[in-house]
Protein backbone atom coordinates (compact mmCIF):
# COMPACT_ATOMS: atom_id res chain seq x y z
CA UNK A 1 9.58 12.48 -16.80
CA UNK A 2 7.43 15.66 -16.11
CA UNK A 3 3.82 15.47 -16.03
CA UNK A 4 1.95 18.45 -16.73
CA UNK A 5 -1.97 18.74 -16.00
CA UNK A 6 -4.51 18.30 -18.63
CA UNK A 7 -6.60 21.20 -20.25
CA UNK A 8 -9.68 19.88 -18.51
CA UNK A 9 -7.50 20.11 -15.19
CA UNK A 10 -6.79 23.75 -16.12
CA UNK A 11 -10.48 24.25 -16.61
CA UNK A 12 -11.17 23.03 -13.59
CA UNK A 13 -8.64 25.26 -11.78
CA UNK A 14 -10.30 28.24 -13.26
CA UNK A 15 -13.08 27.81 -11.48
CA UNK A 16 -11.62 27.78 -7.78
CA UNK A 17 -9.51 29.80 -5.85
CA UNK A 18 -6.70 28.43 -7.26
CA UNK A 19 -6.63 29.97 -10.88
CA UNK A 20 -4.07 31.93 -11.01
CA UNK A 21 -1.79 28.71 -8.56
CA UNK A 22 1.45 27.98 -9.71
CA UNK A 23 1.44 24.55 -10.60
CA UNK A 24 4.76 22.06 -9.68
CA UNK A 25 4.36 18.30 -10.61
CA UNK A 26 4.59 15.74 -7.60
CA UNK A 27 5.80 12.49 -7.18
CA UNK A 28 3.78 10.05 -8.88
CA UNK A 29 3.31 6.22 -7.71
CA UNK A 30 2.32 3.11 -9.17
CA UNK A 31 -1.56 4.08 -9.39
CA UNK A 32 -2.85 6.03 -12.30
CA UNK A 33 -3.36 9.21 -10.22
CA UNK A 34 -1.19 11.83 -10.55
CA UNK A 35 -0.55 14.77 -8.42
CA UNK A 36 0.41 18.67 -8.39
CA UNK A 37 1.08 21.23 -5.84
CA UNK A 38 -0.50 24.43 -5.74
CA UNK A 39 1.11 27.57 -4.93
CA UNK A 40 -0.94 30.73 -4.67
CA UNK A 41 0.24 34.19 -4.56
CA UNK A 42 -0.32 34.27 -0.98
CA UNK A 43 2.26 31.61 -0.68
CA UNK A 44 -0.89 29.40 0.60
CA UNK A 45 -0.17 25.62 -0.86
CA UNK A 46 -2.86 22.56 -1.54
CA UNK A 47 -2.27 19.21 -3.59
CA UNK A 48 -4.49 19.22 -6.48
CA UNK A 49 -4.94 15.17 -7.45
CA UNK A 50 -6.15 14.46 -10.87
CA UNK A 51 -8.28 11.24 -11.05
CA UNK A 52 -9.62 11.39 -14.68
CA UNK A 53 -7.30 7.86 -15.63
CA UNK A 54 -8.67 6.36 -12.62
CA UNK A 55 -10.68 3.18 -11.99
CA UNK A 56 -14.41 4.35 -11.76
CA UNK A 57 -15.52 5.10 -7.69
CA UNK A 58 -12.06 5.09 -7.21
CA UNK A 59 -12.28 9.14 -6.03
CA UNK A 60 -15.85 8.12 -4.47
CA UNK A 61 -14.20 5.91 -3.04
CA UNK A 62 -10.95 7.91 -1.38
CA UNK A 63 -13.62 10.66 -0.64
CA UNK A 64 -16.16 8.56 2.06
CA UNK A 65 -13.10 6.82 3.36
CA UNK A 66 -11.13 10.16 3.95
CA UNK A 67 -14.42 11.79 5.81
CA UNK A 68 -14.41 8.32 7.81
CA UNK A 69 -10.82 9.00 8.72
CA UNK A 70 -11.19 12.53 9.87
CA UNK A 71 -14.66 12.19 12.17
CA UNK A 72 -12.50 9.34 14.23
CA UNK A 73 -10.03 12.30 14.79
CA UNK A 74 -7.16 10.98 12.83
CA UNK A 75 -5.22 13.14 9.93
CA UNK A 76 -6.65 12.70 6.05
CA UNK A 77 -6.24 15.45 3.62
CA UNK A 78 -9.39 18.08 4.10
CA UNK A 79 -11.08 17.85 0.61
CA UNK A 80 -10.90 21.88 -0.55
CA UNK A 81 -13.37 21.60 -3.85
CA UNK A 82 -13.79 18.21 -5.81
CA UNK A 83 -15.23 17.97 -9.47
CA UNK A 84 -15.23 14.27 -9.86
CA UNK A 85 -11.77 13.90 -11.08
CA UNK A 86 -10.18 16.38 -9.62
CA UNK A 87 -9.74 17.76 -6.83
CA UNK A 88 -8.26 20.19 -4.34
CA UNK A 89 -6.99 18.64 -1.02
CA UNK A 90 -5.17 19.73 1.76
CA UNK A 91 -1.26 19.98 1.48
CA UNK A 92 0.15 17.88 4.18
CA UNK A 93 4.11 18.79 2.83
CA UNK A 94 7.02 16.35 2.05
CA UNK A 95 8.08 15.21 5.17
CA UNK A 96 7.22 11.85 4.70
CA UNK A 97 7.88 9.29 6.87
CA UNK A 98 10.03 7.24 4.41
CA UNK A 99 12.40 10.72 4.39
CA UNK A 100 12.93 11.69 7.72
CA UNK A 101 15.80 11.52 9.71
CA UNK A 102 14.08 11.86 13.27
CA UNK A 103 14.16 8.91 15.49
CA UNK A 104 12.21 6.00 13.32
CA UNK A 105 11.04 4.26 16.95
CA UNK A 106 9.61 7.33 17.66
CA UNK A 107 7.76 7.55 14.24
CA UNK A 108 6.90 4.00 13.63
CA UNK A 109 5.75 3.67 17.13
CA UNK A 110 3.48 6.66 16.24
CA UNK A 111 2.26 5.24 13.50
CA UNK A 112 1.36 2.01 15.22
CA UNK A 113 -0.70 4.27 18.15
CA UNK A 114 -2.46 5.52 14.80
CA UNK A 115 -3.77 1.42 13.49
CA UNK A 116 -4.75 0.52 17.03
CA UNK A 117 -6.88 3.85 17.24
CA UNK A 118 -8.15 2.89 14.18
CA UNK A 119 -9.05 -0.34 15.24
CA UNK A 120 -10.16 0.73 18.28
CA UNK A 121 -13.71 1.70 16.30
CA UNK A 122 -16.11 -0.47 14.51
CA UNK A 123 -15.13 -0.34 10.52
CA UNK A 124 -16.39 1.76 7.97
CA UNK A 125 -19.89 0.47 6.77
CA UNK A 126 -19.83 -0.76 3.14
CA UNK A 127 -15.79 -1.33 2.41
CA UNK A 128 -15.17 -4.56 0.88
CA UNK A 129 -14.17 -7.45 2.96
CA UNK A 130 -10.68 -9.67 3.24
CA UNK A 131 -11.91 -12.52 4.08
CA UNK A 132 -10.27 -15.89 3.34
CA UNK A 133 -11.19 -16.05 -0.57
CA UNK A 134 -9.68 -12.34 -1.17
CA UNK A 135 -6.60 -13.80 0.72
CA UNK A 136 -6.52 -16.33 -1.48
CA UNK A 137 -6.86 -13.85 -4.35
CA UNK A 138 -4.15 -12.03 -3.33
CA UNK A 139 -1.91 -15.03 -2.94
CA UNK A 140 -2.23 -16.53 -6.32
CA UNK A 141 -0.72 -12.88 -8.03
CA UNK A 142 2.44 -14.05 -7.67
CA UNK A 143 1.32 -16.92 -9.86
CA UNK A 144 -0.56 -14.88 -12.67
CA UNK A 145 2.78 -12.56 -12.89
CA UNK A 146 5.78 -13.62 -11.24
CA UNK A 147 6.50 -16.66 -13.68
CA UNK A 148 8.42 -15.68 -16.90
CA UNK A 149 5.17 -17.08 -19.75
CA UNK A 150 2.61 -15.85 -17.31
CA UNK A 151 0.18 -12.75 -18.37
CA UNK A 152 -1.91 -12.72 -15.81
CA UNK A 153 -4.26 -16.23 -16.07
CA UNK A 154 -5.26 -17.95 -13.37
CA UNK A 155 -3.44 -20.96 -13.63
CA UNK A 156 -3.71 -24.39 -11.74
CA UNK A 157 -0.68 -23.40 -9.39
CA UNK A 158 -2.02 -20.01 -8.88
CA UNK A 159 -5.28 -21.45 -8.21
CA UNK A 160 -3.73 -24.56 -5.41
CA UNK A 161 -1.71 -21.62 -4.35
CA UNK A 162 -4.95 -19.76 -3.62
CA UNK A 163 -6.39 -23.08 -1.96
CA UNK A 164 -3.01 -23.01 -0.09
CA UNK A 165 -3.55 -19.79 1.19
CA UNK A 166 -7.38 -20.37 2.26
CA UNK A 167 -6.93 -22.73 3.95
CA UNK A 168 -3.81 -22.06 5.94
CA UNK A 169 -5.91 -18.50 6.99
CA UNK A 170 -9.05 -20.71 7.98
CA UNK A 171 -7.07 -22.69 10.54
CA UNK A 172 -4.91 -19.24 11.91
CA UNK A 173 -8.85 -17.68 12.24
CA UNK A 174 -8.14 -14.64 10.44
CA UNK A 175 -11.04 -13.06 10.53
CA UNK A 176 -11.36 -9.06 9.35
CA UNK A 177 -12.73 -7.45 12.18
CA UNK A 178 -11.44 -3.80 11.82
CA UNK A 179 -11.01 -0.90 8.76
CA UNK A 180 -7.79 -1.85 7.18
CA UNK A 181 -5.70 0.90 5.17
CA UNK A 182 -4.03 -1.62 2.86
CA UNK A 183 -1.06 0.44 1.98
CA UNK A 184 0.00 1.56 5.33
CA UNK A 185 3.76 2.38 4.92
CA UNK A 186 6.02 5.12 5.19
CA UNK A 187 5.79 6.09 1.87
CA UNK A 188 1.80 7.07 2.33
CA UNK A 189 2.65 8.63 6.21
CA UNK A 190 3.11 12.49 6.34
CA UNK A 191 5.17 13.57 9.79
CA UNK A 192 2.66 16.66 10.71
CA UNK A 193 4.53 17.78 14.18
CA UNK A 194 2.01 20.77 15.16
CA UNK A 195 -0.39 18.61 15.83
CA UNK A 196 -1.10 16.00 18.19
CA UNK A 197 -1.08 12.70 19.50
CA UNK A 198 -2.38 9.97 16.40
CA UNK A 199 -3.41 12.98 14.42
CA UNK A 200 0.40 13.70 14.14
CA UNK A 201 0.32 10.49 11.64
CA UNK A 202 -1.14 12.38 8.12
CA UNK A 203 -2.32 9.42 5.96
CA UNK A 204 -2.51 9.07 2.16
CA UNK A 205 -3.46 6.60 -0.29
CA UNK A 206 -6.04 4.80 1.72
CA UNK A 207 -9.19 4.80 -1.33
CA UNK A 208 -8.41 0.78 -0.61
CA UNK A 209 -9.30 -0.31 2.22
CA UNK A 210 -11.18 -2.90 3.05
CA UNK A 211 -12.64 -4.61 6.28
CA UNK A 212 -9.66 -6.86 7.23
CA UNK A 213 -7.85 -8.41 10.25
CA UNK A 214 -5.76 -5.84 12.44
CA UNK A 215 -2.19 -7.41 11.93
CA UNK A 216 -2.35 -7.03 8.54
CA UNK A 217 -1.44 -3.14 8.20
CA UNK A 218 1.42 -3.64 10.69
CA UNK A 219 2.63 -6.20 8.08
CA UNK A 220 2.51 -3.54 5.79
CA UNK A 221 4.39 -0.97 7.78
CA UNK A 222 7.31 -2.97 8.78
CA UNK A 223 7.59 -5.13 5.70
CA UNK A 224 8.39 -2.26 3.41
CA UNK A 225 8.82 -3.22 0.02
CA UNK A 226 11.01 -0.34 -0.50
CA UNK A 227 13.06 0.39 2.38
CA UNK A 228 15.38 -1.57 4.61
CA UNK A 229 13.82 -2.94 8.27
CA UNK A 230 16.17 -4.33 10.11
CA UNK A 231 14.97 -8.54 11.56
CA UNK A 232 15.13 -6.67 15.00
CA UNK A 233 13.42 -3.21 14.67
CA UNK A 234 10.84 -5.03 13.22
CA UNK A 235 10.48 -7.90 16.13
CA UNK A 236 10.18 -4.50 18.32
CA UNK A 237 7.68 -3.10 16.66
CA UNK A 238 5.78 -5.95 16.00
CA UNK A 239 5.84 -6.53 19.61
CA UNK A 240 4.69 -2.77 20.16
CA UNK A 241 1.84 -3.30 18.24
CA UNK A 242 0.84 -6.68 19.87
CA UNK A 243 0.98 -5.25 23.60
CA UNK A 244 -1.07 -2.10 22.11
CA UNK A 245 -3.11 -3.94 20.87
CA UNK A 246 -3.68 -6.83 23.66
CA UNK A 247 -3.12 -9.63 21.26
CA UNK A 248 -1.46 -12.80 22.51
CA UNK A 249 2.45 -13.36 21.25
CA UNK A 250 1.13 -16.58 19.76
CA UNK A 251 -1.69 -14.91 17.51
CA UNK A 252 0.37 -12.35 16.66
CA UNK A 253 3.17 -14.51 15.34
CA UNK A 254 1.18 -16.42 13.20
CA UNK A 255 -1.24 -14.02 11.98
CA UNK A 256 2.15 -11.51 11.21
CA UNK A 257 3.67 -14.70 9.33
CA UNK A 258 0.70 -15.56 7.43
CA UNK A 259 -0.49 -12.37 6.26
CA UNK A 260 3.10 -11.18 5.60
CA UNK A 261 3.12 -13.88 3.16
CA UNK A 262 0.18 -13.83 1.29
CA UNK A 263 0.86 -10.08 0.96
CA UNK A 264 4.34 -10.51 0.05
CA UNK A 265 3.53 -12.98 -2.84
CA UNK A 266 0.67 -10.52 -4.32
CA UNK A 267 3.64 -7.67 -4.37
CA UNK A 268 6.02 -9.98 -5.98
CA UNK A 269 3.19 -10.67 -8.48
CA UNK A 270 2.36 -6.92 -9.25
CA UNK A 271 5.61 -5.85 -9.32
CA UNK A 272 6.39 -8.24 -11.80
CA UNK A 273 3.23 -6.94 -13.73
CA UNK A 274 4.21 -3.66 -13.66
CA UNK A 275 7.26 -4.29 -15.67
CA UNK A 276 5.58 -6.49 -18.18
CA UNK A 277 2.50 -4.60 -19.03
CA UNK A 278 3.60 -0.84 -18.08
CA UNK A 279 7.04 -0.96 -18.60
CA UNK A 280 8.59 -0.04 -15.27
CA UNK A 281 11.19 -2.66 -14.67
CA UNK A 282 12.54 -0.62 -11.63
CA UNK A 283 9.70 -2.26 -9.73
CA UNK A 284 10.82 -5.71 -10.93
CA UNK A 285 14.44 -4.72 -9.26
CA UNK A 286 12.42 -4.67 -6.05
CA UNK A 287 11.30 -8.39 -5.68
CA UNK A 288 14.63 -9.53 -3.73
CA UNK A 289 13.81 -7.52 -1.37
CA UNK A 290 10.23 -8.38 -0.79
CA UNK A 291 11.26 -12.35 -1.22
CA UNK A 292 13.59 -11.83 1.30
CA UNK A 293 10.12 -10.93 3.90
CA UNK A 294 9.01 -13.85 1.88
CA UNK A 295 11.32 -16.40 3.44
CA UNK A 296 11.35 -15.24 6.90
CA UNK A 297 7.38 -15.58 6.85
CA UNK A 298 7.12 -19.01 5.45
CA UNK A 299 9.40 -20.12 8.28
CA UNK A 300 6.63 -20.21 10.41
CA UNK A 301 5.05 -24.07 10.95
CA UNK A 302 1.47 -22.72 10.35
CA UNK A 303 2.42 -22.38 6.54
CA UNK A 304 4.29 -25.39 5.93
CA UNK A 305 2.61 -26.66 2.86
CA UNK A 306 2.41 -23.46 1.85
CA UNK A 307 6.72 -22.94 1.66
CA UNK A 308 6.92 -25.71 -0.43
CA UNK A 309 4.51 -25.03 -2.59
CA UNK A 310 6.28 -21.96 -3.43
CA UNK A 311 9.97 -23.32 -3.01
CA UNK A 312 8.17 -26.19 -6.04
CA UNK A 313 6.65 -23.53 -8.45
CA UNK A 314 8.30 -20.07 -8.07
CA UNK A 315 11.49 -19.73 -9.20
CA UNK A 316 13.65 -17.34 -6.72
CA UNK A 317 14.67 -13.99 -8.12
CA UNK A 318 18.32 -14.72 -9.42
CA UNK A 319 20.10 -12.16 -11.45
CA UNK A 320 19.21 -14.21 -14.42
CA UNK A 321 15.88 -14.37 -13.94
CA UNK A 322 15.49 -11.03 -12.93
CA UNK A 323 16.98 -9.97 -16.28
CA UNK A 324 14.90 -12.46 -18.34
CA UNK A 325 12.01 -11.00 -16.45
CA UNK A 326 12.95 -7.32 -17.46
CA UNK A 327 13.84 -8.33 -20.97
CA UNK A 328 9.94 -8.48 -20.93
CA UNK A 329 8.96 -5.45 -20.24
CA UNK A 330 7.48 -3.37 -22.75
CA UNK A 331 10.38 -0.21 -23.62
CA UNK A 332 8.87 3.45 -23.15
CA UNK A 333 7.34 5.45 -25.96
CA UNK A 334 9.86 8.14 -27.06
CA UNK A 335 8.92 11.40 -25.25
CA UNK A 336 9.12 14.08 -28.12
């Protein structure tokens, strides 16, 4: 469906250097933000981000985290102008890591280099903290939304899942120590070959950054909900991070499995939520892919209790189960 820029957006542009620019909608993500490419008569381009429907404070976080990343020598889009709802950003182009035919090993190693560079610096001041309790909340999302009759409530099963995750996180000492971008994956990474080193990685969608464990973003990158990554490739890149970060193999493997399980249970719940509340059944189709990562993560001995609880209380994403789940998605309104 084509998204048109609102009258408020047009009024914002009228007071900028982009008032006569050609406006083209860009691919939208799962958020409330919308994006448009602006092309001036001189063929220079920029991206307009419409945050008018986003949560309060989201744009402010985007601006502050972007400035922090830029100060560290990483590539976040430069802010050209903003009014609190609409922002004109530097255009990183269309070369997403997710779409490039280049050697994926080269790109993923570069992405990991950018993570290691980020994590070598003190975390950004003022960010929320992904502590043990928050990891429990992430985990509970699956029980809030994935069961067919669930509607987001904190059920006894969701609370028990949270408690099990917290216990596992404490036993593995998954303490927050660095800036964690949270949505660090191939669709949010742009290839900027004219730049040098880690600045070749263009960073997007970082407004939900937190202070967290360094392995969380590695899981985001290598257990991608939308891309097929082979176990061998996943293992190779995991070893590469472990070596670059100076982390012991034992701590890396246990942290990767636990944070992967917590994150994938959240994604399963969020994909079910997007279907049930927003009528986006295509997200439900991705659940089996995420479930395969979850199975692999839960095989780690440190997650035995959580694995047993998942097996007892969550239905595997069989075709009949997903069909029933999708039948509960509201139908989108007819466009006139």
